[in-house]
PDB file of N, CA and C in Angstrom:
ATOM      1  N   MET A   1      82.181 192.057 242.724  1.00  0.00           N
ATOM      2  CA  MET A   1      81.030 192.980 243.504  1.00  0.00           C
ATOM      3  C   MET A   1      80.345 193.119 241.517  1.00  0.00           C
ATOM      4  N   ARG A   2      78.930 192.566 242.273  1.00  0.00           N
ATOM      5  CA  ARG A   2      77.795 192.421 241.002  1.00  0.00           C
ATOM      6  C   ARG A   2      77.656 193.515 241.015  1.00  0.00           C
ATOM      7  N   GLN A   3      77.506 194.250 239.487  1.00  0.00           N
ATOM      8  CA  GLN A   3      77.035 195.908 238.889  1.00  0.00           C
ATOM      9  C   GLN A   3      75.375 195.343 239.115  1.00  0.00           C
ATOM     10  N   LYS A   4      74.684 196.643 239.696  1.00  0.00           N
ATOM     11  CA  LYS A   4      73.374 196.932 239.796  1.00  0.00           C
ATOM     12  C   LYS A   4      72.435 197.267 238.660  1.00  0.00           C
ATOM     13  N   GLY A   5      72.100 195.988 238.482  1.00  0.00           N
ATOM     14  CA  GLY A   5      70.756 196.287 237.007  1.00  0.00           C
ATOM     15  C   GLY A   5      70.976 195.152 235.913  1.00  0.00           C
ATOM     16  N   SER A   6      72.122 194.611 236.680  1.00  0.00           N
ATOM     17  CA  SER A   6      73.213 193.898 235.235  1.00  0.00           C
ATOM     18  C   SER A   6      72.172 192.230 235.178  1.00  0.00           C
ATOM     19  N   THR A   7      72.372 191.593 234.337  1.00  0.00           N
ATOM     20  CA  THR A   7      71.877 190.222 234.015  1.00  0.00           C
ATOM     21  C   THR A   7      71.980 189.306 234.925  1.00  0.00           C
ATOM     22  N   VAL A   8      73.459 189.861 236.001  1.00  0.00           N
ATOM     23  CA  VAL A   8      74.057 188.815 236.998  1.00  0.00           C
ATOM     24  C   VAL A   8      73.130 189.250 238.487  1.00  0.00           C
ATOM     25  N   GLN A   9      73.437 190.299 238.473  1.00  0.00           N
ATOM     26  CA  GLN A   9      72.541 190.897 239.661  1.00  0.00           C
ATOM     27  C   GLN A   9      71.079 190.095 239.597  1.00  0.00           C
ATOM     28  N   ILE A  10      70.445 190.421 238.630  1.00  0.00           N
ATOM     29  CA  ILE A  10      68.621 190.613 238.310  1.00  0.00           C
ATOM     30  C   ILE A  10      68.548 188.755 238.772  1.00  0.00           C
ATOM     31  N   TYR A  11      69.389 187.894 238.158  1.00  0.00           N
ATOM     32  CA  TYR A  11      68.988 186.029 238.622  1.00  0.00           C
ATOM     33  C   TYR A  11      70.009 186.291 239.762  1.00  0.00           C
ATOM     34  N   TRP A  12      70.999 186.624 240.291  1.00  0.00           N
ATOM     35  CA  TRP A  12      71.310 186.320 241.682  1.00  0.00           C
ATOM     36  C   TRP A  12      69.705 186.875 242.520  1.00  0.00           C
ATOM     37  N   ASP A  13      69.177 188.309 242.909  1.00  0.00           N
ATOM     38  CA  ASP A  13      68.494 188.528 243.107  1.00  0.00           C
ATOM     39  C   ASP A  13      66.984 187.717 243.111  1.00  0.00           C
ATOM     40  N   LEU A  14      66.879 186.773 242.206  1.00  0.00           N
ATOM     41  CA  LEU A  14      65.805 186.118 241.444  1.00  0.00           C
ATOM     42  C   LEU A  14      65.869 184.510 242.878  1.00  0.00           C
ATOM     43  N   VAL A  15      67.301 184.060 242.459  1.00  0.00           N
ATOM     44  CA  VAL A  15      67.397 183.053 243.052  1.00  0.00           C
ATOM     45  C   VAL A  15      67.855 183.393 244.938  1.00  0.00           C
ATOM     46  N   VAL A  16      67.908 184.566 244.880  1.00  0.00           N
ATOM     47  CA  VAL A  16      67.962 184.757 246.851  1.00  0.00           C
ATOM     48  C   VAL A  16      66.735 184.657 247.261  1.00  0.00           C
ATOM     49  N   GLU A  17      65.526 185.391 246.487  1.00  0.00           N
ATOM     50  CA  GLU A  17      63.808 185.679 246.619  1.00  0.00           C
ATOM     51  C   GLU A  17      63.820 184.496 246.473  1.00  0.00           C
ATOM     52  N   PHE A  18      63.688 183.297 245.773  1.00  0.00           N
ATOM     53  CA  PHE A  18      63.518 181.797 245.814  1.00  0.00           C
ATOM     54  C   PHE A  18      63.131 181.311 247.249  1.00  0.00           C
ATOM     55  N   PHE A  19      65.160 181.345 248.182  1.00  0.00           N
ATOM     56  CA  PHE A  19      65.075 180.861 249.190  1.00  0.00           C
ATOM     57  C   PHE A  19      64.703 181.784 250.483  1.00  0.00           C
ATOM     58  N   VAL A  20      64.059 182.898 250.215  1.00  0.00           N
ATOM     59  CA  VAL A  20      63.780 183.509 251.109  1.00  0.00           C
ATOM     60  C   VAL A  20      61.767 182.651 251.213  1.00  0.00           C
ATOM     61  N   ARG A  21      61.758 183.371 250.180  1.00  0.00           N
ATOM     62  CA  ARG A  21      59.928 182.868 250.149  1.00  0.00           C
ATOM     63  C   ARG A  21      60.037 181.300 250.484  1.00  0.00           C
ATOM     64  N   ALA A  22      60.870 180.744 250.320  1.00  0.00           N
ATOM     65  CA  ALA A  22      61.129 178.754 250.481  1.00  0.00           C
ATOM     66  C   ALA A  22      60.699 178.946 252.341  1.00  0.00           C
ATOM     67  N   ILE A  23      61.620 180.120 252.683  1.00  0.00           N
ATOM     68  CA  ILE A  23      62.111 179.638 254.292  1.00  0.00           C
ATOM     69  C   ILE A  23      61.167 180.801 255.018  1.00  0.00           C
ATOM     70  N   ALA A  24      60.957 181.313 254.450  1.00  0.00           N
ATOM     71  CA  ALA A  24      59.456 182.239 255.412  1.00  0.00           C
ATOM     72  C   ALA A  24      58.105 181.159 255.767  1.00  0.00           C
ATOM     73  N   ASP A  25      57.551 180.212 254.308  1.00  0.00           N
ATOM     74  CA  ASP A  25      57.026 179.199 254.357  1.00  0.00           C
ATOM     75  C   ASP A  25      57.074 178.326 255.740  1.00  0.00           C
ATOM     76  N   ALA A  26      58.654 178.095 255.866  1.00  0.00           N
ATOM     77  CA  ALA A  26      58.438 177.090 257.152  1.00  0.00           C
ATOM     78  C   ALA A  26      57.888 177.764 258.546  1.00  0.00           C
ATOM     79  N   PRO A  27      57.130 176.595 259.396  1.00  0.00           N
ATOM     80  CA  PRO A  27      57.045 177.195 260.179  1.00  0.00           C
ATOM     81  C   PRO A  27      57.948 177.598 261.537  1.00  0.00           C
ATOM     82  N   ILE A  28      57.955 178.481 262.418  1.00  0.00           N
ATOM     83  CA  ILE A  28      58.990 179.079 263.167  1.00  0.00           C
ATOM     84  C   ILE A  28      58.311 178.773 265.235  1.00  0.00           C
ATOM     85  N   GLU A  29      57.200 178.537 264.619  1.00  0.00           N
ATOM     86  CA  GLU A  29      56.753 178.134 266.631  1.00  0.00           C
ATOM     87  C   GLU A  29      57.388 176.935 267.050  1.00  0.00           C
ATOM     88  N   SER A  30      58.238 175.932 266.796  1.00  0.00           N
ATOM     89  CA  SER A  30      58.659 175.105 267.041  1.00  0.00           C
ATOM     90  C   SER A  30      60.045 174.897 268.035  1.00  0.00           C
ATOM     91  N   SER A  31      60.573 173.798 268.638  1.00  0.00           N
ATOM     92  CA  SER A  31      61.941 173.783 268.554  1.00  0.00           C
ATOM     93  C   SER A  31      62.618 173.443 267.685  1.00  0.00           C
ATOM     94  N   PRO A  32      64.169 174.185 268.521  1.00  0.00           N
ATOM     95  CA  PRO A  32      64.901 174.536 266.619  1.00  0.00           C
ATOM     96  C   PRO A  32      65.377 173.493 265.886  1.00  0.00           C
ATOM     97  N   ALA A  33      65.234 172.050 266.079  1.00  0.00           N
ATOM     98  CA  ALA A  33      65.173 171.071 265.229  1.00  0.00           C
ATOM     99  C   ALA A  33      64.334 171.266 264.763  1.00  0.00           C
ATOM    100  N   GLU A  34      63.162 171.380 264.994  1.00  0.00           N
ATOM    101  CA  GLU A  34      62.071 170.720 264.108  1.00  0.00           C
ATOM    102  C   GLU A  34      62.511 172.309 263.437  1.00  0.00           C
ATOM    103  N   VAL A  35      62.316 173.435 263.788  1.00  0.00           N
ATOM    104  CA  VAL A  35      62.557 175.060 262.435  1.00  0.00           C
ATOM    105  C   VAL A  35      63.763 174.757 261.322  1.00  0.00           C
ATOM    106  N   ALA A  36      64.532 173.918 261.720  1.00  0.00           N
ATOM    107  CA  ALA A  36      65.499 173.410 260.980  1.00  0.00           C
ATOM    108  C   ALA A  36      65.423 172.602 260.116  1.00  0.00           C
ATOM    109  N   ALA A  37      64.776 171.555 260.517  1.00  0.00           N
ATOM    110  CA  ALA A  37      63.950 170.409 259.460  1.00  0.00           C
ATOM    111  C   ALA A  37      62.771 170.982 258.267  1.00  0.00           C
ATOM    112  N   GLY A  38      61.925 172.460 259.445  1.00  0.00           N
ATOM    113  CA  GLY A  38      60.660 172.197 258.395  1.00  0.00           C
ATOM    114  C   GLY A  38      61.153 173.507 257.529  1.00  0.00           C
ATOM    115  N   ARG A  39      63.270 174.501 257.648  1.00  0.00           N
ATOM    116  CA  ARG A  39      63.597 175.017 256.889  1.00  0.00           C
ATOM    117  C   ARG A  39      63.284 174.417 255.474  1.00  0.00           C
ATOM    118  N   ASN A  40      64.308 172.894 255.922  1.00  0.00           N
ATOM    119  CA  ASN A  40      65.099 172.342 255.132  1.00  0.00           C
ATOM    120  C   ASN A  40      64.054 171.830 253.801  1.00  0.00           C
ATOM    121  N   ALA A  41      63.080 171.263 254.537  1.00  0.00           N
ATOM    122  CA  ALA A  41      61.725 170.689 253.307  1.00  0.00           C
ATOM    123  C   ALA A  41      61.482 171.840 253.226  1.00  0.00           C
ATOM    124  N   ALA A  42      60.785 173.102 253.378  1.00  0.00           N
ATOM    125  CA  ALA A  42      60.555 174.151 252.644  1.00  0.00           C
ATOM    126  C   ALA A  42      61.695 174.418 251.098  1.00  0.00           C
ATOM    127  N   VAL A  43      63.021 174.615 251.601  1.00  0.00           N
ATOM    128  CA  VAL A  43      63.660 174.010 250.395  1.00  0.00           C
ATOM    129  C   VAL A  43      64.209 173.736 249.420  1.00  0.00           C
ATOM    130  N   GLU A  44      63.822 172.442 250.076  1.00  0.00           N
ATOM    131  CA  GLU A  44      64.010 170.855 249.054  1.00  0.00           C
ATOM    132  C   GLU A  44      63.008 170.995 248.420  1.00  0.00           C
ATOM    133  N   ARG A  45      61.017 171.701 248.627  1.00  0.00           N
ATOM    134  CA  ARG A  45      60.212 171.408 247.864  1.00  0.00           C
ATOM    135  C   ARG A  45      60.351 172.455 246.897  1.00  0.00           C
ATOM    136  N   MET A  46      61.042 173.507 247.069  1.00  0.00           N
ATOM    137  CA  MET A  46      61.196 174.807 246.567  1.00  0.00           C
ATOM    138  C   MET A  46      62.606 173.878 245.530  1.00  0.00           C
ATOM    139  N   LEU A  47      63.387 173.909 245.345  1.00  0.00           N
ATOM    140  CA  LEU A  47      64.174 173.096 244.521  1.00  0.00           C
ATOM    141  C   LEU A  47      63.749 172.161 243.747  1.00  0.00           C
ATOM    142  N   ALA A  48      62.704 170.755 243.931  1.00  0.00           N
ATOM    143  CA  ALA A  48      62.337 170.346 243.174  1.00  0.00           C
ATOM    144  C   ALA A  48      60.955 170.988 242.197  1.00  0.00           C
ATOM    145  N   SER A  49      60.780 171.889 242.571  1.00  0.00           N
ATOM    146  CA  SER A  49      59.328 172.594 242.168  1.00  0.00           C
ATOM    147  C   SER A  49      60.362 174.011 240.889  1.00  0.00           C
ATOM    148  N   ASN A  50      61.295 174.389 241.229  1.00  0.00           N
ATOM    149  CA  ASN A  50      62.122 175.659 240.735  1.00  0.00           C
ATOM    150  C   ASN A  50      63.240 174.905 240.255  1.00  0.00           C
ATOM    151  N   SER A  51      63.575 173.993 239.390  1.00  0.00           N
ATOM    152  CA  SER A  51      64.891 173.437 239.045  1.00  0.00           C
ATOM    153  C   SER A  51      65.744 173.975 238.278  1.00  0.00           C
ATOM    154  N   ALA A  52      65.344 175.586 237.674  1.00  0.00           N
ATOM    155  CA  ALA A  52      66.185 176.393 237.175  1.00  0.00           C
ATOM    156  C   ALA A  52      66.998 177.305 237.985  1.00  0.00           C
ATOM    157  N   VAL A  53      66.611 177.069 239.240  1.00  0.00           N
ATOM    158  CA  VAL A  53      67.070 177.800 240.305  1.00  0.00           C
ATOM    159  C   VAL A  53      68.368 177.231 240.822  1.00  0.00           C
ATOM    160  N   VAL A  54      68.218 176.252 240.545  1.00  0.00           N
ATOM    161  CA  VAL A  54      69.808 174.854 240.660  1.00  0.00           C
ATOM    162  C   VAL A  54      70.457 174.937 239.308  1.00  0.00           C
ATOM    163  N   ASN A  55      70.082 174.999 238.821  1.00  0.00           N
ATOM    164  CA  ASN A  55      71.045 175.577 237.796  1.00  0.00           C
ATOM    165  C   ASN A  55      71.599 176.650 237.091  1.00  0.00           C
TER     166      ASN A  55
END
């Protein structure tokens, strides 16, 4: 378990927030396949522009 306020927890929360924001930017008023594709594309863009998240 990660200790609240620890460096690991802070980084964990930051990485999760990157994914949350990327997914939230994807369109949701489409077919399930289009929503999934939009979320995948949003995450790919986020990872491409934030290489530190990958590391």
